[in-house]
Protein backbone atom coordinates (compact mmCIF):
# COMPACT_ATOMS: atom_id res chain seq x y z
CA MET A 1 0.29 0.24 0.17
CA PHE A 2 2.96 2.17 1.15
CA ASN A 3 6.21 2.22 -0.63
CA GLN A 4 7.65 3.41 2.78
CA ARG A 5 6.69 4.60 5.63
CA PRO A 6 4.50 7.48 6.24
CA LYS A 7 6.11 10.78 8.15
CA PRO A 8 4.44 11.64 9.97
CA VAL A 9 1.28 9.87 11.03
CA VAL A 10 -1.11 11.73 12.55
CA LEU A 11 -4.18 10.98 14.28
CA VAL A 12 -6.35 13.90 14.45
CA VAL A 13 -9.24 13.75 17.04
CA LEU A 14 -12.53 15.85 16.49
CA ASP A 15 -14.01 15.54 20.18
CA GLY A 16 -17.77 15.26 20.27
CA TRP A 17 -18.41 14.99 16.35
CA GLY A 18 -20.53 12.39 15.69
CA VAL A 19 -22.31 11.19 12.74
CA ASP A 20 -26.14 11.42 11.95
CA ILE A 21 -28.49 12.43 9.51
CA PRO A 22 -28.68 15.98 8.22
CA SER A 23 -31.12 17.97 10.25
CA ARG A 24 -31.89 21.59 12.17
CA SER A 25 -30.56 20.09 15.09
CA ASN A 26 -27.10 18.52 13.38
CA ALA A 27 -24.61 21.55 13.88
CA ILE A 28 -22.27 19.66 11.86
CA SER A 29 -24.72 19.17 8.64
CA GLN A 30 -25.76 23.07 9.31
CA ALA A 31 -21.92 24.05 8.87
CA GLN A 32 -20.06 25.28 6.15
CA THR A 33 -17.72 22.40 5.71
CA PRO A 34 -16.40 22.25 2.38
CA VAL A 35 -13.04 20.35 3.21
CA TRP A 36 -14.89 17.74 4.94
CA GLN A 37 -17.11 17.33 1.91
CA ARG A 38 -14.27 16.81 -0.09
CA LEU A 39 -12.28 14.60 2.19
CA ILE A 40 -14.96 12.23 2.87
CA THR A 41 -15.72 11.66 -1.27
CA THR A 42 -12.07 11.54 -1.90
CA TYR A 43 -10.47 8.95 0.66
CA PRO A 44 -11.42 5.85 2.25
CA THR A 45 -14.38 6.97 4.61
CA PHE A 46 -15.37 4.31 7.52
CA THR A 47 -18.05 5.20 10.49
CA LEU A 48 -17.15 3.60 14.31
CA GLN A 49 -19.37 2.64 17.46
CA ALA A 50 -18.14 4.86 19.88
CA ALA A 51 -20.68 4.35 22.53
CA GLY A 52 -22.32 1.51 25.05
CA GLU A 53 -20.37 -1.99 24.71
CA ALA A 54 -17.73 -0.52 21.64
CA VAL A 55 -15.88 1.64 24.42
CA GLY A 56 -16.79 -1.44 27.06
CA LEU A 57 -19.76 0.79 28.82
CA PRO A 58 -23.06 -0.80 29.68
CA TRP A 59 -25.31 -1.18 26.07
CA GLY A 60 -27.08 1.92 25.13
CA GLU A 61 -24.73 3.94 27.79
CA VAL A 62 -23.44 7.23 25.43
CA GLY A 63 -19.34 7.21 24.97
CA ASN A 64 -17.55 10.06 26.56
CA SER A 65 -13.87 11.81 25.89
CA GLU A 66 -12.16 9.16 28.79
CA VAL A 67 -13.28 5.86 27.47
CA GLY A 68 -13.07 7.20 23.90
CA HIS A 69 -9.32 8.45 24.09
CA LEU A 70 -8.60 5.13 25.88
CA ALA A 71 -9.86 3.06 23.14
CA LEU A 72 -8.22 4.79 20.63
CA GLY A 73 -4.49 4.55 22.45
CA ALA A 74 -5.38 1.00 24.13
CA GLY A 75 -6.49 -0.76 20.51
CA LYS A 76 -8.85 -2.86 22.58
CA ILE A 77 -12.13 -2.59 24.44
CA LEU A 78 -11.93 -2.05 28.21
CA TYR A 79 -14.80 -3.00 29.74
CA HIS A 80 -16.70 -0.47 32.27
CA ASP A 81 -16.74 -2.64 35.59
CA LEU A 82 -20.63 -3.42 35.07
CA PRO A 83 -21.10 -5.16 31.67
CA ARG A 84 -17.34 -6.92 32.53
CA ILE A 85 -18.71 -8.94 35.50
CA THR A 86 -21.75 -9.36 33.63
CA ARG A 87 -19.70 -11.08 30.66
CA ALA A 88 -18.14 -13.05 33.44
CA ILE A 89 -21.43 -14.45 34.17
CA VAL A 90 -22.39 -14.67 30.82
CA ASP A 91 -19.40 -17.23 29.76
CA LYS A 92 -19.64 -18.76 33.17
CA SER A 93 -15.74 -17.33 33.96
CA PHE A 94 -17.90 -15.37 37.31
CA PHE A 95 -18.21 -18.87 38.88
CA GLN A 96 -14.81 -19.53 39.06
CA ASN A 97 -13.52 -16.63 40.06
CA ARG A 98 -10.94 -16.71 42.76
CA ALA A 99 -11.40 -14.11 45.15
CA LEU A 100 -15.44 -15.39 45.36
CA LEU A 101 -14.43 -18.89 45.81
CA THR A 102 -12.19 -18.05 48.78
CA ALA A 103 -14.97 -16.22 50.64
CA ILE A 104 -17.15 -19.24 50.43
CA GLN A 105 -14.78 -21.81 50.78
CA LEU A 106 -13.28 -20.16 54.16
CA ALA A 107 -16.81 -19.70 55.40
CA GLN A 108 -17.36 -23.24 54.97
CA GLU A 109 -14.26 -24.43 56.16
CA LYS A 110 -15.01 -22.10 59.42
CA ASN A 111 -18.41 -23.13 59.59
CA SER A 112 -19.34 -20.07 59.54
CA GLN A 113 -21.71 -17.28 57.36
CA LEU A 114 -21.38 -15.97 54.22
CA HIS A 115 -22.90 -12.44 54.02
CA LEU A 116 -23.25 -10.54 50.80
CA ILE A 117 -23.92 -6.83 51.23
CA GLY A 118 -24.82 -3.98 48.51
CA LEU A 119 -27.37 -1.63 47.10
CA VAL A 120 -30.06 -4.14 45.59
CA SER A 121 -31.52 -2.28 42.56
CA PRO A 122 -31.45 -2.77 39.05
CA GLY A 123 -30.78 1.25 38.70
CA GLY A 124 -27.22 -0.03 37.27
CA VAL A 125 -24.88 2.47 38.72
CA HIS A 126 -23.59 1.33 42.02
CA SER A 127 -24.37 -2.23 41.71
CA SER A 128 -26.77 -4.93 39.26
CA ILE A 129 -28.84 -6.78 40.94
CA ASP A 130 -28.09 -10.00 38.53
CA HIS A 131 -24.49 -9.85 40.24
CA LEU A 132 -26.44 -10.60 43.43
CA TYR A 133 -28.52 -13.41 42.12
CA ALA A 134 -24.99 -14.84 40.37
CA LEU A 135 -23.29 -14.67 43.63
CA LEU A 136 -26.63 -16.54 45.17
CA GLU A 137 -26.49 -19.20 42.39
CA MET A 138 -22.61 -19.49 43.44
CA ALA A 139 -23.00 -20.49 46.40
CA LYS A 140 -25.74 -22.93 45.97
CA GLN A 141 -23.36 -24.69 43.50
CA GLN A 142 -20.83 -24.60 45.53
CA GLY A 143 -23.21 -26.58 48.59
CA MET A 144 -22.75 -23.13 50.79
CA ALA A 145 -26.24 -23.02 53.41
CA ASN A 146 -25.51 -19.94 55.55
CA VAL A 147 -25.97 -17.04 52.65
CA PHE A 148 -27.58 -13.84 54.22
CA VAL A 149 -28.40 -10.94 52.64
CA HIS A 150 -28.04 -7.04 53.77
CA ALA A 151 -29.86 -5.09 51.38
CA PHE A 152 -29.17 -1.43 50.80
CA LEU A 153 -32.27 0.44 48.80
CA ASP A 154 -32.08 3.17 46.08
CA GLY A 155 -34.32 5.51 45.59
CA ARG A 156 -32.16 7.66 43.82
CA ASP A 157 -31.28 5.47 40.82
CA THR A 158 -34.87 4.11 40.65
CA PRO A 159 -38.03 5.70 41.83
CA PHE A 160 -38.05 6.63 45.22
CA ASP A 161 -40.74 4.11 46.29
CA SER A 162 -39.66 1.14 43.96
CA ALA A 163 -37.73 -1.31 46.74
CA LYS A 164 -40.85 -3.39 47.53
CA THR A 165 -40.50 -5.03 43.64
CA TYR A 166 -36.84 -5.79 44.15
CA LEU A 167 -37.30 -7.38 47.68
CA GLU A 168 -39.96 -9.22 46.66
CA GLU A 169 -38.16 -10.53 43.77
CA LEU A 170 -34.82 -11.10 45.41
CA ALA A 171 -37.50 -13.27 48.11
CA ASN A 172 -38.40 -15.01 45.04
CA LYS A 173 -35.32 -15.47 43.71
CA MET A 174 -33.91 -17.02 46.65
CA LYS A 175 -36.64 -19.67 46.74
CA LYS A 176 -35.88 -20.62 43.42
CA ILE A 177 -32.11 -21.00 43.63
CA GLY A 178 -32.54 -22.53 47.07
CA VAL A 179 -30.10 -20.52 49.71
CA GLY A 180 -30.35 -16.86 51.21
CA LYS A 181 -31.55 -14.81 53.72
CA ILE A 182 -32.55 -11.37 53.92
CA ALA A 183 -30.88 -10.25 57.29
CA SER A 184 -31.19 -6.47 57.10
CA ILE A 185 -32.38 -3.84 55.57
CA MET A 186 -31.43 0.22 55.07
CA GLY A 187 -31.27 2.98 52.91
CA ARG A 188 -28.19 3.86 50.60
CA TYR A 189 -28.10 7.41 52.75
CA TYR A 190 -26.78 5.18 55.65
CA ALA A 191 -24.85 2.46 53.98
CA MET A 192 -23.28 4.06 50.90
CA ASP A 193 -22.62 7.91 52.43
CA ARG A 194 -19.46 9.42 50.66
CA ASP A 195 -18.93 12.89 52.40
CA ASN A 196 -17.77 12.04 55.68
CA HIS A 197 -21.12 11.81 57.34
CA TRP A 198 -19.78 8.92 59.72
CA ASP A 199 -22.54 8.72 62.18
CA ARG A 200 -24.65 7.20 59.12
CA VAL A 201 -22.20 5.19 58.79
CA GLN A 202 -21.73 4.02 62.34
CA ALA A 203 -25.94 3.14 62.15
CA ALA A 204 -25.01 1.08 59.33
CA TYR A 205 -22.60 -0.56 60.79
CA ASP A 206 -24.09 -1.38 64.08
CA CYS A 207 -26.98 -2.94 62.41
CA LEU A 208 -24.62 -5.41 60.25
CA VAL A 209 -22.50 -6.25 63.13
CA GLU A 210 -24.02 -5.46 66.21
CA GLY A 211 -28.13 -6.03 65.27
CA LYS A 212 -28.62 -2.39 66.40
CA GLY A 213 -31.19 -0.90 64.64
CA LYS A 214 -35.42 -0.77 64.03
CA PRO A 215 -36.63 -4.51 64.33
CA ALA A 216 -38.61 -6.03 61.43
CA THR A 217 -40.40 -9.22 61.68
CA SER A 218 -39.87 -9.21 57.30
CA ALA A 219 -37.81 -7.33 54.80
CA LEU A 220 -41.26 -6.18 53.60
CA ARG A 221 -42.91 -5.52 56.64
CA GLY A 222 -40.00 -3.40 57.83
CA LEU A 223 -40.00 -1.94 54.43
CA ALA A 224 -43.73 -1.25 54.96
CA ALA A 225 -43.38 0.04 58.21
CA SER A 226 -40.67 2.72 56.99
CA TYR A 227 -43.35 3.72 54.08
CA ALA A 228 -46.18 4.51 56.57
CA ALA A 229 -44.08 7.37 58.52
CA LYS A 230 -43.31 8.79 54.99
CA VAL A 231 -39.40 7.50 54.74
CA PHE A 232 -38.64 5.97 51.58
CA ASP A 233 -36.13 3.71 49.75
CA GLU A 234 -33.12 6.22 50.28
CA GLN A 235 -33.88 6.84 53.76
CA VAL A 236 -34.82 3.78 55.54
CA VAL A 237 -33.22 3.94 58.59
CA PRO A 238 -30.90 0.60 59.39
CA THR A 239 -33.53 -2.25 60.22
CA VAL A 240 -33.08 -5.73 61.67
CA ILE A 241 -34.81 -8.58 60.39
CA MET A 242 -35.91 -10.20 63.63
CA GLU A 243 -36.29 -14.20 64.49
CA GLY A 244 -38.38 -14.30 67.55
CA ASP A 245 -36.48 -12.14 69.73
CA LYS A 246 -33.19 -12.42 67.84
CA PRO A 247 -31.85 -10.97 64.99
CA VAL A 248 -31.89 -13.40 61.55
CA THR A 249 -28.15 -13.14 62.00
CA THR A 250 -25.16 -10.22 62.05
CA VAL A 251 -21.96 -10.15 60.61
CA GLY A 252 -19.36 -11.72 62.97
CA ASN A 253 -16.04 -13.12 63.74
CA ASN A 254 -14.49 -15.62 60.91
CA ASP A 255 -17.25 -14.73 58.79
CA SER A 256 -17.03 -14.06 54.57
CA VAL A 257 -18.40 -10.84 53.35
CA ILE A 258 -19.08 -9.64 49.48
CA PHE A 259 -19.76 -6.32 49.06
CA PHE A 260 -20.96 -6.72 45.51
CA ASN A 261 -21.11 -2.94 44.64
CA PHE A 262 -19.16 -2.22 41.41
CA ARG A 263 -18.84 1.77 41.66
CA ALA A 264 -16.06 2.47 44.60
CA ASP A 265 -16.85 6.15 45.88
CA ARG A 266 -20.13 5.02 48.01
CA ALA A 267 -18.82 1.68 49.06
CA ARG A 268 -15.28 2.98 50.59
CA GLN A 269 -16.52 4.56 53.55
CA LEU A 270 -18.78 1.23 55.17
CA THR A 271 -15.18 -0.67 54.04
CA HIS A 272 -13.05 1.32 56.14
CA ALA A 273 -15.00 0.27 59.05
CA PHE A 274 -15.07 -3.32 58.56
CA VAL A 275 -11.15 -3.81 57.52
CA LEU A 276 -8.95 -0.87 58.30
CA PRO A 277 -7.12 -1.88 61.70
CA GLY A 278 -6.72 1.83 62.99
CA PHE A 279 -9.84 2.58 62.10
CA SER A 280 -11.09 5.72 64.62
CA LYS A 281 -14.12 7.42 62.60
CA PHE A 282 -16.40 5.97 65.57
CA PRO A 283 -16.10 3.25 68.20
CA ARG A 284 -16.62 -0.38 66.66
CA ARG A 285 -15.92 -3.67 67.72
CA THR A 286 -13.11 -5.27 65.23
CA LEU A 287 -14.29 -8.34 63.80
CA GLU A 288 -11.49 -11.80 63.99
CA ARG A 289 -10.63 -13.61 61.04
CA LEU A 290 -13.04 -11.64 58.84
CA HIS A 291 -12.73 -12.31 54.92
CA PHE A 292 -14.06 -8.97 53.16
CA VAL A 293 -14.09 -9.22 49.33
CA THR A 294 -15.15 -6.22 47.38
CA MET A 295 -16.17 -6.58 43.87
CA THR A 296 -13.90 -4.14 42.26
CA GLU A 297 -10.92 -2.38 43.57
CA TYR A 298 -12.42 0.21 45.85
CA GLU A 299 -9.12 2.28 46.88
CA ASN A 300 -5.40 0.79 47.02
CA ASN A 301 -3.82 -0.30 49.82
CA ILE A 302 -6.64 -1.78 51.51
CA PRO A 303 -6.84 -5.00 53.41
CA VAL A 304 -9.31 -6.47 51.23
CA GLU A 305 -9.81 -9.28 48.23
CA VAL A 306 -10.51 -7.97 44.88
CA ALA A 307 -12.89 -10.10 42.79
CA PHE A 308 -12.66 -7.87 39.55
CA PRO A 309 -9.11 -5.47 39.21
CA ALA A 310 -8.99 -2.95 37.27
CA GLU A 311 -7.47 -4.20 33.53
CA THR A 312 -3.93 -2.81 32.61
CA ILE A 313 -2.90 -1.70 29.30
CA GLU A 314 0.29 -2.93 28.84
CA TYR A 315 0.87 -2.01 25.42
CA PRO A 316 -0.65 1.04 24.51
CA LEU A 317 0.07 2.55 20.85
CA ALA A 318 2.37 5.17 22.51
CA ARG A 319 4.44 2.57 24.19
CA ILE A 320 5.01 0.70 21.08
CA ILE A 321 5.92 3.72 18.74
CA SER A 322 8.41 4.49 21.61
CA GLU A 323 9.94 1.15 21.79
CA ALA A 324 10.41 1.38 17.94
CA GLY A 325 12.69 4.15 18.69
CA LEU A 326 10.56 6.47 17.24
CA LYS A 327 8.96 10.22 18.25
CA GLN A 328 5.47 11.36 18.82
CA LEU A 329 4.01 14.49 19.55
CA HIS A 330 0.36 14.62 21.63
CA LEU A 331 -1.06 18.08 21.26
CA ALA A 332 -4.29 19.81 23.03
CA GLU A 333 -5.58 22.43 24.24
CA THR A 334 -6.51 22.77 28.41
CA GLU A 335 -9.82 21.18 28.27
CA LYS A 336 -8.63 18.01 26.37
CA TYR A 337 -4.75 17.28 27.20
CA ALA A 338 -5.18 14.67 29.88
CA HIS A 339 -7.40 13.02 26.93
CA VAL A 340 -4.31 12.42 24.52
CA THR A 341 -1.79 12.06 27.67
CA TYR A 342 -3.29 9.99 30.30
CA PHE A 343 -5.71 8.74 28.92
CA PHE A 344 -4.50 7.80 25.54
CA ASN A 345 -1.99 6.28 27.04
CA GLY A 346 -3.97 3.80 29.04
CA GLY A 347 -3.76 5.48 32.13
CA ARG A 348 -0.13 6.82 32.32
CA GLU A 349 1.21 10.02 33.74
CA GLN A 350 4.41 10.04 32.51
CA ALA A 351 5.57 10.07 29.07
CA TYR A 352 7.24 7.50 26.90
CA GLU A 353 10.65 7.94 25.82
CA GLY A 354 10.54 10.15 22.59
CA GLU A 355 6.83 11.47 23.47
CA ASP A 356 6.46 15.38 23.68
CA HIS A 357 3.33 16.77 25.23
CA VAL A 358 2.39 20.46 24.23
CA LEU A 359 -0.26 22.21 26.09
CA ILE A 360 -1.92 25.25 24.67
CA PRO A 361 -4.41 27.06 26.82
CA SER A 362 -7.76 27.07 26.23
CA PRO A 363 -9.51 30.59 26.38
CA VAL A 364 -10.66 32.09 29.60
CA VAL A 365 -14.42 32.81 29.18
CA PRO A 366 -17.30 32.06 31.13
CA SER A 367 -18.67 29.89 28.40
CA TYR A 368 -17.54 28.64 25.03
CA ASP A 369 -20.56 29.68 23.03
CA GLN A 370 -18.78 33.15 23.65
CA LYS A 371 -15.95 32.30 21.77
CA PRO A 372 -16.59 29.07 19.79
CA GLU A 373 -13.30 28.55 17.98
CA MET A 374 -11.91 28.10 21.23
CA SER A 375 -7.92 27.53 20.82
CA ALA A 376 -8.29 25.60 17.43
CA ARG A 377 -6.46 28.36 15.17
CA ALA A 378 -3.33 28.23 17.82
CA VAL A 379 -3.21 24.25 18.21
CA THR A 380 -3.19 24.09 13.92
CA ASP A 381 -0.23 26.42 14.10
CA ARG A 382 1.86 24.72 16.71
CA PHE A 383 1.29 21.36 15.18
CA LEU A 384 2.59 22.91 11.28
CA GLN A 385 5.40 24.41 13.59
CA GLU A 386 6.05 21.45 14.83
CA ILE A 387 6.00 19.19 11.62
CA ARG A 388 8.43 21.38 9.66
CA THR A 389 11.25 20.16 11.99
CA GLY A 390 10.98 16.79 10.58
CA LYS A 391 11.18 15.18 14.27
CA TYR A 392 8.07 13.28 14.75
CA ASP A 393 6.89 10.19 13.27
CA PHE A 394 3.49 10.18 14.81
CA CYS A 395 1.16 12.91 16.16
CA VAL A 396 -2.04 12.80 17.86
CA ILE A 397 -3.81 16.12 18.11
CA ASN A 398 -7.32 16.91 19.70
CA PHE A 399 -9.44 19.58 18.77
CA ALA A 400 -12.22 20.14 21.51
CA ASN A 401 -14.96 22.09 19.53
CA ALA A 402 -17.17 19.90 18.89
CA ASP A 403 -17.70 19.06 22.04
CA MET A 404 -16.94 21.75 24.67
CA VAL A 405 -19.12 24.00 22.18
CA GLY A 406 -21.81 21.59 22.17
CA HIS A 407 -22.30 21.08 25.80
CA THR A 408 -23.75 24.93 25.87
CA GLY A 409 -26.31 24.12 23.63
CA ASN A 410 -26.14 26.89 21.57
CA LEU A 411 -26.64 25.40 17.66
CA SER A 412 -25.35 28.56 16.31
CA ALA A 413 -22.22 28.83 18.06
CA THR A 414 -21.35 25.28 17.81
CA VAL A 415 -22.22 25.95 14.02
CA ARG A 416 -19.32 28.20 13.71
CA ALA A 417 -16.99 26.01 15.67
CA ILE A 418 -17.68 23.18 13.22
CA ASN A 419 -16.47 26.36 10.18
CA VAL A 420 -13.39 27.01 12.08
CA LEU A 421 -12.58 23.28 12.56
CA ASP A 422 -13.27 22.52 8.87
CA GLU A 423 -10.53 25.19 7.99
CA CYS A 424 -8.31 23.80 10.47
CA ILE A 425 -8.73 20.15 9.54
CA GLY A 426 -8.04 21.76 5.83
CA GLU A 427 -4.53 23.08 7.45
CA VAL A 428 -3.88 19.92 9.07
CA VAL A 429 -3.86 17.87 5.75
CA ALA A 430 -2.31 20.05 3.77
CA GLY A 431 0.64 20.30 5.90
CA THR A 432 0.98 16.84 6.55
CA LEU A 433 0.42 15.79 2.72
CA GLU A 434 3.37 18.23 1.77
CA TYR A 435 5.97 16.43 4.12
CA GLY A 436 4.47 13.20 2.88
CA GLY A 437 2.62 12.16 5.70
CA LEU A 438 -1.05 10.20 6.65
CA VAL A 439 -3.82 11.51 8.58
CA ILE A 440 -6.37 9.45 10.40
CA ILE A 441 -9.50 11.61 11.21
CA THR A 442 -12.11 10.55 13.66
CA ALA A 443 -13.83 11.14 16.81
CA ASP A 444 -14.02 10.13 20.32
CA HIS A 445 -17.94 10.17 20.78
CA GLY A 446 -20.69 12.57 19.58
CA ASN A 447 -22.32 15.69 20.50
CA ALA A 448 -22.24 18.52 17.95
CA GLU A 449 -24.60 16.46 15.71
CA ASN A 450 -27.79 16.19 17.78
CA LEU A 451 -28.07 19.71 19.66
CA VAL A 452 -31.80 19.56 19.70
CA ASN A 453 -34.32 17.20 20.47
CA LEU A 454 -36.64 17.04 17.38
CA GLN A 455 -39.88 15.16 19.32
CA THR A 456 -39.87 17.58 22.18
CA GLY A 457 -37.79 20.71 20.96
CA SER A 458 -35.21 20.92 24.31
CA ILE A 459 -31.85 21.42 24.12
CA ASN A 460 -29.54 18.30 24.13
CA LYS A 461 -26.03 19.23 25.85
CA GLU A 462 -25.08 15.69 26.78
CA HIS A 463 -22.94 13.53 24.38
CA SER A 464 -24.85 10.95 22.15
CA ASN A 465 -24.73 7.24 21.38
CA ASN A 466 -23.72 7.95 17.70
CA PRO A 467 -21.44 6.26 15.29
CA VAL A 468 -18.13 8.87 14.68
CA PRO A 469 -16.16 8.99 11.22
CA CYS A 470 -12.73 7.81 10.33
CA ILE A 471 -11.30 9.13 7.39
CA ILE A 472 -7.78 8.26 6.06
CA VAL A 473 -6.15 10.65 4.38
CA ALA A 474 -2.77 9.75 1.89
CA ARG A 475 -1.69 10.75 -1.34
CA GLU A 476 -1.39 6.75 -1.98
CA LEU A 477 -5.17 6.43 -0.97
CA GLU A 478 -6.47 9.48 -3.35
CA ASN A 479 -10.11 8.82 -5.30
CA LYS A 480 -10.03 5.37 -3.14
CA ALA A 481 -13.27 6.33 -0.95
CA GLY A 482 -15.51 4.14 0.31
CA SER A 483 -14.97 1.24 2.23
CA GLY A 484 -16.57 -1.43 -0.31
CA GLN A 485 -19.63 1.37 0.31
CA LEU A 486 -21.28 3.69 -1.94
CA VAL A 487 -19.67 6.77 -1.86
CA THR A 488 -21.75 9.26 -0.10
CA ASP A 489 -21.68 12.73 1.47
CA ASP A 490 -23.95 11.54 4.14
CA LEU A 491 -22.06 9.75 6.54
CA SER A 492 -25.08 8.35 8.64
CA LYS A 493 -26.07 6.20 5.62
CA LEU A 494 -22.80 3.90 6.41
CA THR A 495 -22.86 1.20 8.54
CA PRO A 496 -20.33 1.30 10.77
CA ALA A 497 -17.17 -0.84 10.02
CA GLY A 498 -15.60 -1.12 13.13
CA VAL A 499 -15.10 0.52 16.69
CA LEU A 500 -12.58 2.94 18.08
CA ALA A 501 -10.02 0.27 19.12
CA ASP A 502 -9.62 -0.55 15.40
CA VAL A 503 -8.12 2.66 15.27
CA ALA A 504 -4.59 1.99 17.03
CA PRO A 505 -4.25 -1.53 14.62
CA THR A 506 -4.79 0.43 11.66
CA MET A 507 -1.56 2.92 12.79
CA LEU A 508 0.43 0.37 13.53
CA LYS A 509 -0.07 -1.42 9.76
CA ILE A 510 0.58 2.00 8.40
CA MET A 511 3.46 2.62 10.47
CA GLY A 512 4.72 -1.03 9.78
CA LEU A 513 5.02 -1.96 13.38
CA ASN A 514 3.27 -5.57 15.18
CA LYS A 515 0.41 -5.20 16.84
CA PRO A 516 0.47 -6.77 20.52
CA ALA A 517 -1.09 -10.20 21.07
CA ASP A 518 -3.18 -8.09 23.47
CA MET A 519 -4.54 -5.55 21.18
CA SER A 520 -7.99 -7.05 20.09
CA GLY A 521 -8.75 -4.23 17.58
CA GLN A 522 -8.56 -5.20 13.79
CA SER A 523 -6.95 -2.80 11.11
CA LEU A 524 -9.22 -0.70 8.77
CA LEU A 525 -7.29 -1.39 5.85
């Protein structure tokens, strides 16, 4: 395809530039973009999925700049905790998870108890009720009899009075599986505080460990009594389920606890109370030989087992380029500087050898619709200045305008931002081709193409789940538009040809560098 490696190979990330049908809500189709129209009808052009499971998020969730740049630089899909755990349940690897199995086996060996604590909610923000059900199935498979659920109630990511439905569903599920009892209920206000309201956490801890709290003969009766007092799900006071004059159970010495929330921020404080040796936020009885497992890594250096540690990126694109002895430039304005450095490099702060970072200050204005050009022209000028040196083999540039101006919801200002970007893209492409280079133009997620809800007329300021463009521009590829698809100036007619994780393998192929084994993306060429 190329007689010699293009230099430089340039990745342009148009932050927030998605693909949607032309409409009055689409700032991109409303703008004057002669450069863009020429590029997409002249050079190989694709669309890529950039939301939901294509970037490791739950199905249907909009993309964002962090996961977008992570996928672009890593060359593989890094699954968010929720879909990663759910996928493990589907492929059955969940049921061989070492940390989870150890918790069950230790409780069995000590003739002790297994406690499953967490948010019983289908909200999908902090936990998944399906993960709880899988833990119950796992306990049953392992022959564990003494299994108790301590149910934290939602009311924020679910309707305020919906817990009855989920507690009934949980009771039916436990009956069907043949294991498990509800031992306590309490609102997330107590069990999941994150703002150092330690009196709330103490109330939760004392309920779980000491059996202190409002007594009830069943979870549903306890909930009904709370509703009668006009106290709903989120703020249900810690309630102990009783059998006769004693609690069903409490967390005690030698027990195993699995905290099944996957999101860390609202799980840390209660976890600290259970596991930190020097804990001093409130008086508490320290449990001996307690085995505590968290679903994900809530914090570094706390004495817990982690069922699903964070995935690591051993060989992001930047490392491969560096280890090949090549030079690279990462360039952006302030708003997106972390994205072309830390996130693009797989969560690494320090630059690799031969990697230079250039930060262009973003304008200081109350809102970017007041200056829709932002610092795009300064970014362009600095890029052209740098490539004239002939130093760099690879460059990644972020243009922030489509996203940051799009977030204001100001359609006309976003149109002006797109007009400026079109000019800047033209200069970047012309400058790169002049020096024998190649440009890949893509985006991290959508935004500017969907600024008005056409059904309600309301303003959309959020990201979209639309695909994003991907154009590969080089002299050798001129008049080779399309990817086996009809050449069109309306990219919404194209079926997505891949995902963001396919961009890094494409660049490696162009640069003649080997793709590492754990880079699961595929070249688009």
